[in-house]
Protein backbone atom coordinates (compact mmCIF):
# COMPACT_ATOMS: atom_id res chain seq x y z
CA MET A 1 70.37 -241.09 -10.90
CA ASN A 2 70.54 -239.16 -7.64
CA ARG A 3 73.75 -237.18 -8.07
CA ALA A 4 76.36 -237.73 -10.76
CA ARG A 5 80.05 -237.44 -10.06
CA VAL A 6 82.48 -237.16 -12.95
CA ASP A 7 85.58 -236.52 -10.90
CA VAL A 8 86.71 -240.13 -10.77
CA ARG A 9 89.70 -241.13 -12.89
CA GLY A 10 89.32 -244.55 -14.43
CA THR A 11 91.84 -247.20 -13.38
CA PRO A 12 92.65 -250.63 -14.83
CA SER A 13 90.35 -252.16 -12.20
CA ASP A 14 87.42 -250.38 -13.92
CA ALA A 15 88.16 -252.01 -17.30
CA GLU A 16 85.51 -254.72 -17.13
CA GLN A 17 82.68 -252.30 -16.26
CA ILE A 18 83.85 -249.78 -18.87
CA SER A 19 84.03 -252.52 -21.51
CA LYS A 20 80.50 -253.62 -20.66
CA LEU A 21 79.09 -250.08 -20.80
CA VAL A 22 80.86 -249.08 -24.02
CA GLY A 23 80.35 -252.43 -25.75
CA THR A 24 76.67 -252.72 -24.88
CA THR A 25 75.96 -249.10 -25.78
CA TRP A 26 77.86 -249.31 -29.09
CA SER A 27 76.16 -252.58 -29.97
CA ASP A 28 72.68 -251.27 -29.11
CA LEU A 29 73.09 -247.98 -30.99
CA PHE A 30 75.27 -248.96 -33.97
CA GLY A 31 75.46 -252.76 -34.13
CA TRP A 32 72.87 -252.86 -36.89
CA SER A 33 75.22 -250.88 -39.17
CA VAL A 34 77.95 -253.56 -39.39
CA SER A 35 78.03 -257.27 -40.14
CA PRO A 36 77.57 -259.68 -37.23
CA GLN A 37 81.21 -260.76 -37.64
CA ASP A 38 82.49 -257.16 -37.55
CA LEU A 39 80.33 -256.41 -34.52
CA ASP A 40 81.71 -259.45 -32.72
CA THR A 41 85.31 -258.48 -33.58
CA TYR A 42 84.83 -254.85 -32.54
CA ILE A 43 83.10 -255.66 -29.25
CA ASN A 44 85.30 -258.60 -28.25
CA PHE A 45 88.66 -257.19 -29.36
CA THR A 46 88.67 -253.38 -29.61
CA LEU A 47 86.27 -252.86 -26.70
CA SER A 48 87.37 -255.84 -24.60
CA PRO A 49 88.20 -255.54 -20.90
CA SER A 50 91.89 -256.29 -21.64
CA SER A 51 91.98 -253.53 -24.26
CA PHE A 52 90.54 -251.03 -21.76
CA GLU A 53 92.86 -252.27 -19.03
CA SER A 54 95.81 -251.48 -21.30
CA GLU A 55 94.43 -248.06 -22.26
CA LEU A 56 93.74 -247.12 -18.64
CA ALA A 57 97.38 -247.81 -17.78
CA GLN A 58 98.72 -245.45 -20.49
CA SER A 59 99.82 -241.99 -19.35
CA ASP A 60 98.69 -240.25 -22.56
CA LYS A 61 95.11 -241.50 -22.22
CA HIS A 62 92.85 -239.90 -19.65
CA MET A 63 89.55 -241.59 -18.87
CA PHE A 64 86.92 -240.25 -16.52
CA ILE A 65 84.13 -242.36 -15.19
CA CYS A 66 80.80 -241.20 -13.92
CA ALA A 67 78.84 -242.96 -11.23
CA ALA A 68 75.73 -241.94 -9.37
CA SER A 69 76.11 -241.42 -5.66
CA SER A 70 73.47 -242.76 -3.36
CA SER A 71 71.92 -240.74 -0.58
CA SER A 72 74.70 -242.01 1.70
CA GLY A 73 77.31 -240.68 -0.73
CA GLU A 74 78.68 -244.07 -1.76
CA ILE A 75 79.45 -244.75 -5.40
CA GLN A 76 77.20 -247.34 -6.96
CA GLU A 77 78.92 -250.29 -8.56
CA GLU A 78 77.65 -249.57 -12.06
CA ILE A 79 79.57 -247.03 -14.14
CA LEU A 80 77.05 -244.82 -15.94
CA GLY A 81 79.33 -242.85 -18.27
CA VAL A 82 82.88 -242.49 -19.54
CA ALA A 83 84.91 -239.91 -21.43
CA GLN A 84 88.40 -240.54 -22.76
CA LEU A 85 90.90 -237.93 -23.91
CA VAL A 86 93.93 -239.06 -25.93
CA GLN A 87 97.03 -236.88 -26.20
CA ASN A 88 98.76 -238.79 -29.01
CA PRO A 89 95.97 -240.19 -31.21
CA THR A 90 96.62 -242.56 -34.09
CA PRO A 91 96.38 -241.31 -36.71
CA PRO A 92 97.16 -237.77 -35.58
CA MET A 93 94.92 -234.88 -36.59
CA ASP A 94 96.37 -231.63 -37.91
CA ILE A 95 94.63 -229.38 -35.38
CA PRO A 96 97.21 -227.34 -33.43
CA SER A 97 97.12 -227.47 -29.62
CA SER A 98 94.37 -230.09 -29.61
CA ILE A 99 93.49 -233.33 -27.86
CA GLU A 100 91.14 -236.05 -29.09
CA LEU A 101 87.95 -236.92 -27.26
CA GLN A 102 88.14 -240.54 -28.35
CA ARG A 103 85.21 -241.87 -26.37
CA LEU A 104 82.11 -240.40 -24.79
CA TYR A 105 79.54 -242.94 -23.67
CA ALA A 106 76.59 -242.64 -21.33
CA HIS A 107 74.28 -245.47 -20.36
CA PRO A 108 71.06 -245.12 -22.40
CA SER A 109 69.04 -244.77 -19.19
CA THR A 110 70.91 -241.49 -18.54
CA HIS A 111 70.24 -239.89 -21.93
CA GLY A 112 68.67 -236.47 -21.44
CA THR A 113 69.83 -236.15 -17.81
CA GLY A 114 72.82 -233.87 -18.45
CA LEU A 115 75.41 -236.60 -17.95
CA GLY A 116 76.89 -236.06 -21.42
CA GLN A 117 77.25 -232.35 -20.70
CA LEU A 118 79.06 -233.16 -17.44
CA LEU A 119 81.46 -235.42 -19.31
CA ILE A 120 82.13 -232.69 -21.90
CA THR A 121 82.72 -230.13 -19.12
CA LYS A 122 85.19 -232.45 -17.39
CA SER A 123 86.93 -233.11 -20.71
CA LYS A 124 87.32 -229.38 -21.34
CA GLU A 125 88.77 -228.87 -17.86
CA MET A 126 91.32 -231.65 -18.39
CA ALA A 127 92.23 -230.36 -21.86
CA ARG A 128 92.99 -226.93 -20.36
CA GLU A 129 95.03 -228.55 -17.55
CA LEU A 130 97.06 -230.33 -20.24
CA GLY A 131 97.70 -227.03 -22.03
CA LYS A 132 95.37 -227.71 -24.96
CA SER A 133 93.11 -225.10 -26.51
CA LYS A 134 90.90 -227.40 -28.62
CA ILE A 135 89.16 -230.76 -28.38
CA TRP A 136 88.37 -232.74 -31.52
CA LEU A 137 86.39 -235.93 -32.00
CA GLY A 138 85.19 -238.23 -34.73
CA VAL A 139 81.48 -238.97 -34.92
CA TRP A 140 80.04 -241.49 -37.39
CA GLU A 141 78.19 -239.70 -40.17
CA GLY A 142 75.12 -241.90 -39.48
CA ASN A 143 74.98 -240.98 -35.77
CA GLU A 144 72.35 -238.24 -36.01
CA ARG A 145 71.72 -238.05 -32.25
CA GLY A 146 75.46 -237.76 -31.53
CA LYS A 147 75.97 -235.06 -34.17
CA ARG A 148 73.07 -233.02 -32.74
CA PHE A 149 74.44 -233.39 -29.21
CA TYR A 150 77.95 -232.28 -30.18
CA GLU A 151 76.60 -229.32 -32.18
CA LYS A 152 74.50 -228.33 -29.15
CA MET A 153 77.70 -228.45 -27.05
CA GLY A 154 79.41 -226.07 -29.51
CA PHE A 155 81.42 -228.51 -31.67
CA GLU A 156 81.75 -227.66 -35.36
CA ILE A 157 82.54 -229.95 -38.29
CA VAL A 158 86.09 -229.35 -39.54
CA GLY A 159 86.80 -232.44 -41.65
CA GLU A 160 86.42 -236.19 -41.89
CA LYS A 161 88.37 -239.42 -41.40
CA VAL A 162 88.02 -243.16 -41.85
CA PHE A 163 86.99 -245.34 -38.89
CA TYR A 164 86.93 -249.14 -38.82
CA ALA A 165 84.60 -251.33 -36.80
CA GLY A 166 86.07 -254.74 -37.52
CA GLU A 167 86.47 -254.71 -41.31
CA SER A 168 83.59 -252.25 -41.80
CA LYS A 169 84.96 -248.99 -43.18
CA ARG A 170 83.00 -245.96 -42.03
CA ARG A 171 83.20 -242.20 -42.46
CA ASP A 172 83.55 -240.12 -39.31
CA LEU A 173 83.00 -236.39 -39.28
CA ILE A 174 85.69 -234.51 -37.36
CA MET A 175 84.20 -231.98 -34.99
CA CYS A 176 86.16 -229.49 -32.93
CA ILE A 177 85.56 -227.03 -30.08
CA ASP A 178 87.66 -224.40 -28.35
CA VAL A 179 88.18 -225.04 -24.66
């Protein structure tokens, strides 16, 4: 990765690449923790290109994509990371003046490069622009690497919620940070 840019807003035309990145990453990191049927449902329905196309068209959802720029300054075709803020999450969380960081995904080849930190920084900037003072997220209790990363970024556990991947019921820890 030569130089990462996180200043690109995702558009519906990015849906297929975002779906591939998020679906492949989720499957590789967490697919073992659900049944094959639930994995198939989650990847092919919840994380489908059409689902992302719809989300990218919604005004209360803000997705940033990260691509590496080549030496000529052109954006490579492959999206390397995404972050998505949601103003009106379902279900809502009782955290005043907050916004949900619903998705934060970086291609595994970029882990340890600072890309995740760039996505968090961009998310904080957008939250402030939207008049929010806190960002919250749900992280699966079994995602040790994710929990360590968010703690390193300054997030603190403030509660928990249920998350479904297909029919698989999971416990997410709610983590929050001031922006």
